[in-house]
């Protein structure tokens, strides 16, 4: 049994457990799944560590394919755009007050 076979067996094991523990609903968009569409519901590891599979399922949540992809994209972006990154946009503290004087303009002063 190769590494790929071990990974697939492990994934199938925690997926079956997660599907027994949790309602078949995406934890982000709340879409419900059943029948053939159940294959669109995936197990997401909250800490992004696929080897962390506690028996109580505390590191898992069920997400649809779209929300799961979005979660991983956000995580990847977070890894690339850290404070130390030169690619990370640096925001400056705003010095103006955008709504300053609004009350006077509305005649409420």
C-alpha atoms as a PDB file:
ATOM      1  CA  UNK A   1       0.000   0.000   0.000  1.00  0.00           C
ATOM      2  CA  UNK A   2       1.637   3.286  -1.148  1.00  0.00           C
ATOM      3  CA  UNK A   3       1.460   6.752   0.367  1.00  0.00           C
ATOM      4  CA  UNK A   4      -1.440   7.712  -1.896  1.00  0.00           C
ATOM      5  CA  UNK A   5      -3.391   4.607  -0.807  1.00  0.00           C
ATOM      6  CA  UNK A   6      -2.753   5.446   2.873  1.00  0.00           C
ATOM      7  CA  UNK A   7      -3.924   9.036   2.356  1.00  0.00           C
ATOM      8  CA  UNK A   8      -7.099   7.940   0.574  1.00  0.00           C
ATOM      9  CA  UNK A   9      -7.906   5.403   3.300  1.00  0.00           C
ATOM     10  CA  UNK A  10      -7.321   8.010   6.026  1.00  0.00           C
ATOM     11  CA  UNK A  11      -9.498  10.564   4.198  1.00  0.00           C
ATOM     12  CA  UNK A  12     -12.281   8.033   3.700  1.00  0.00           C
ATOM     13  CA  UNK A  13     -12.146   7.115   7.407  1.00  0.00           C
ATOM     14  CA  UNK A  14     -12.511  10.633   8.771  1.00  0.00           C
ATOM     15  CA  UNK A  15     -15.057  11.567   6.093  1.00  0.00           C
ATOM     16  CA  UNK A  16     -17.312   8.674   7.117  1.00  0.00           C
ATOM     17  CA  UNK A  17     -16.962   9.665  10.779  1.00  0.00           C
ATOM     18  CA  UNK A  18     -17.653  13.343  10.070  1.00  0.00           C
ATOM     19  CA  UNK A  19     -20.745  12.506   8.001  1.00  0.00           C
ATOM     20  CA  UNK A  20     -22.090  10.450  10.920  1.00  0.00           C
ATOM     21  CA  UNK A  21     -21.351  13.217  13.468  1.00  0.00           C
ATOM     22  CA  UNK A  22     -22.552  16.325  11.692  1.00  0.00           C
ATOM     23  CA  UNK A  23     -25.698  17.299   9.772  1.00  0.00           C
ATOM     24  CA  UNK A  24     -25.212  17.271   6.010  1.00  0.00           C
ATOM     25  CA  UNK A  25     -25.131  21.058   5.786  1.00  0.00           C
ATOM     26  CA  UNK A  26     -22.290  23.346   4.676  1.00  0.00           C
ATOM     27  CA  UNK A  27     -20.905  25.135   7.715  1.00  0.00           C
ATOM     28  CA  UNK A  28     -20.494  28.377   5.718  1.00  0.00           C
ATOM     29  CA  UNK A  29     -23.345  28.786   3.211  1.00  0.00           C
ATOM     30  CA  UNK A  30     -25.818  26.451   5.007  1.00  0.00           C
ATOM     31  CA  UNK A  31     -26.755  24.535   1.839  1.00  0.00           C
ATOM     32  CA  UNK A  32     -28.139  21.076   2.571  1.00  0.00           C
ATOM     33  CA  UNK A  33     -26.823  17.977   0.805  1.00  0.00           C
ATOM     34  CA  UNK A  34     -28.207  14.484   0.221  1.00  0.00           C
ATOM     35  CA  UNK A  35     -28.178  11.688  -2.331  1.00  0.00           C
ATOM     36  CA  UNK A  36     -25.685  12.073  -5.178  1.00  0.00           C
ATOM     37  CA  UNK A  37     -24.934  15.671  -4.148  1.00  0.00           C
ATOM     38  CA  UNK A  38     -23.491  14.457  -0.832  1.00  0.00           C
ATOM     39  CA  UNK A  39     -20.196  14.022  -2.695  1.00  0.00           C
ATOM     40  CA  UNK A  40     -20.051  17.860  -2.930  1.00  0.00           C
ATOM     41  CA  UNK A  41     -19.792  18.076   0.858  1.00  0.00           C
ATOM     42  CA  UNK A  42     -16.197  17.910   2.066  1.00  0.00           C
ATOM     43  CA  UNK A  43     -14.443  17.637   5.419  1.00  0.00           C
ATOM     44  CA  UNK A  44     -12.419  20.739   6.252  1.00  0.00           C
ATOM     45  CA  UNK A  45      -9.704  20.612   8.919  1.00  0.00           C
ATOM     46  CA  UNK A  46     -10.103  23.744  11.012  1.00  0.00           C
ATOM     47  CA  UNK A  47      -6.350  23.925  11.764  1.00  0.00           C
ATOM     48  CA  UNK A  48      -5.455  22.939   8.159  1.00  0.00           C
ATOM     49  CA  UNK A  49      -3.557  19.880   9.454  1.00  0.00           C
ATOM     50  CA  UNK A  50      -4.931  16.771   7.716  1.00  0.00           C
ATOM     51  CA  UNK A  51      -3.093  14.545  10.187  1.00  0.00           C
ATOM     52  CA  UNK A  52      -4.979  16.055  13.159  1.00  0.00           C
ATOM     53  CA  UNK A  53      -8.081  13.863  13.314  1.00  0.00           C
ATOM     54  CA  UNK A  54      -9.346  13.631  16.901  1.00  0.00           C
ATOM     55  CA  UNK A  55     -12.053  11.024  17.447  1.00  0.00           C
ATOM     56  CA  UNK A  56     -14.492  13.687  18.697  1.00  0.00           C
ATOM     57  CA  UNK A  57     -14.314  15.479  15.321  1.00  0.00           C
ATOM     58  CA  UNK A  58     -13.369  18.788  16.936  1.00  0.00           C
ATOM     59  CA  UNK A  59     -10.958  19.649  14.105  1.00  0.00           C
ATOM     60  CA  UNK A  60     -13.499  19.011  11.349  1.00  0.00           C
ATOM     61  CA  UNK A  61     -16.323  20.887   9.751  1.00  0.00           C
ATOM     62  CA  UNK A  62     -18.366  20.007   6.701  1.00  0.00           C
ATOM     63  CA  UNK A  63     -18.077  22.504   3.855  1.00  0.00           C
ATOM     64  CA  UNK A  64     -19.359  22.395   0.291  1.00  0.00           C
ATOM     65  CA  UNK A  65     -16.733  22.302  -2.453  1.00  0.00           C
ATOM     66  CA  UNK A  66     -17.074  26.032  -3.130  1.00  0.00           C
ATOM     67  CA  UNK A  67     -16.800  27.173   0.488  1.00  0.00           C
ATOM     68  CA  UNK A  68     -13.935  24.714   1.088  1.00  0.00           C
ATOM     69  CA  UNK A  69     -12.001  26.135  -1.867  1.00  0.00           C
ATOM     70  CA  UNK A  70     -12.684  29.653  -0.623  1.00  0.00           C
ATOM     71  CA  UNK A  71     -11.453  28.777   2.883  1.00  0.00           C
ATOM     72  CA  UNK A  72      -8.209  27.340   1.532  1.00  0.00           C
ATOM     73  CA  UNK A  73      -7.690  30.336  -0.765  1.00  0.00           C
ATOM     74  CA  UNK A  74      -8.084  32.693   2.202  1.00  0.00           C
ATOM     75  CA  UNK A  75      -5.641  30.586   4.233  1.00  0.00           C
ATOM     76  CA  UNK A  76      -3.101  30.585   1.388  1.00  0.00           C
ATOM     77  CA  UNK A  77      -3.459  34.354   0.974  1.00  0.00           C
ATOM     78  CA  UNK A  78      -2.924  34.788   4.696  1.00  0.00           C
ATOM     79  CA  UNK A  79       0.320  32.798   4.463  1.00  0.00           C
ATOM     80  CA  UNK A  80       1.621  34.940   1.606  1.00  0.00           C
ATOM     81  CA  UNK A  81       0.477  38.333   2.845  1.00  0.00           C
ATOM     82  CA  UNK A  82       1.939  38.515   6.321  1.00  0.00           C
ATOM     83  CA  UNK A  83       3.296  41.659   7.961  1.00  0.00           C
ATOM     84  CA  UNK A  84       6.823  40.647   6.921  1.00  0.00           C
ATOM     85  CA  UNK A  85       5.883  40.199   3.273  1.00  0.00           C
ATOM     86  CA  UNK A  86       7.009  42.866   0.825  1.00  0.00           C
ATOM     87  CA  UNK A  87       3.985  42.000  -1.318  1.00  0.00           C
ATOM     88  CA  UNK A  88       1.597  42.742   1.513  1.00  0.00           C
ATOM     89  CA  UNK A  89      -0.243  46.012   1.028  1.00  0.00           C
ATOM     90  CA  UNK A  90       0.638  48.456   3.785  1.00  0.00           C
ATOM     91  CA  UNK A  91      -2.267  50.530   4.971  1.00  0.00           C
ATOM     92  CA  UNK A  92      -1.768  53.899   6.556  1.00  0.00           C
ATOM     93  CA  UNK A  93      -3.777  55.229   9.443  1.00  0.00           C
ATOM     94  CA  UNK A  94      -6.514  57.525   8.116  1.00  0.00           C
ATOM     95  CA  UNK A  95      -6.012  61.120   9.177  1.00  0.00           C
ATOM     96  CA  UNK A  96      -9.204  62.600   7.775  1.00  0.00           C
ATOM     97  CA  UNK A  97     -12.726  62.229   9.106  1.00  0.00           C
ATOM     98  CA  UNK A  98     -14.951  61.416   6.170  1.00  0.00           C
ATOM     99  CA  UNK A  99     -18.222  62.319   7.844  1.00  0.00           C
ATOM    100  CA  UNK A 100     -16.945  65.324   9.752  1.00  0.00           C
ATOM    101  CA  UNK A 101     -19.372  68.200   9.384  1.00  0.00           C
ATOM    102  CA  UNK A 102     -22.235  66.004   8.178  1.00  0.00           C
ATOM    103  CA  UNK A 103     -24.516  67.096  11.018  1.00  0.00           C
ATOM    104  CA  UNK A 104     -24.001  70.746  10.065  1.00  0.00           C
ATOM    105  CA  UNK A 105     -24.749  69.994   6.423  1.00  0.00           C
ATOM    106  CA  UNK A 106     -27.977  68.272   7.426  1.00  0.00           C
ATOM    107  CA  UNK A 107     -28.911  71.201   9.653  1.00  0.00           C
ATOM    108  CA  UNK A 108     -28.778  69.136  12.825  1.00  0.00           C
ATOM    109  CA  UNK A 109     -26.152  71.119  14.638  1.00  0.00           C
END
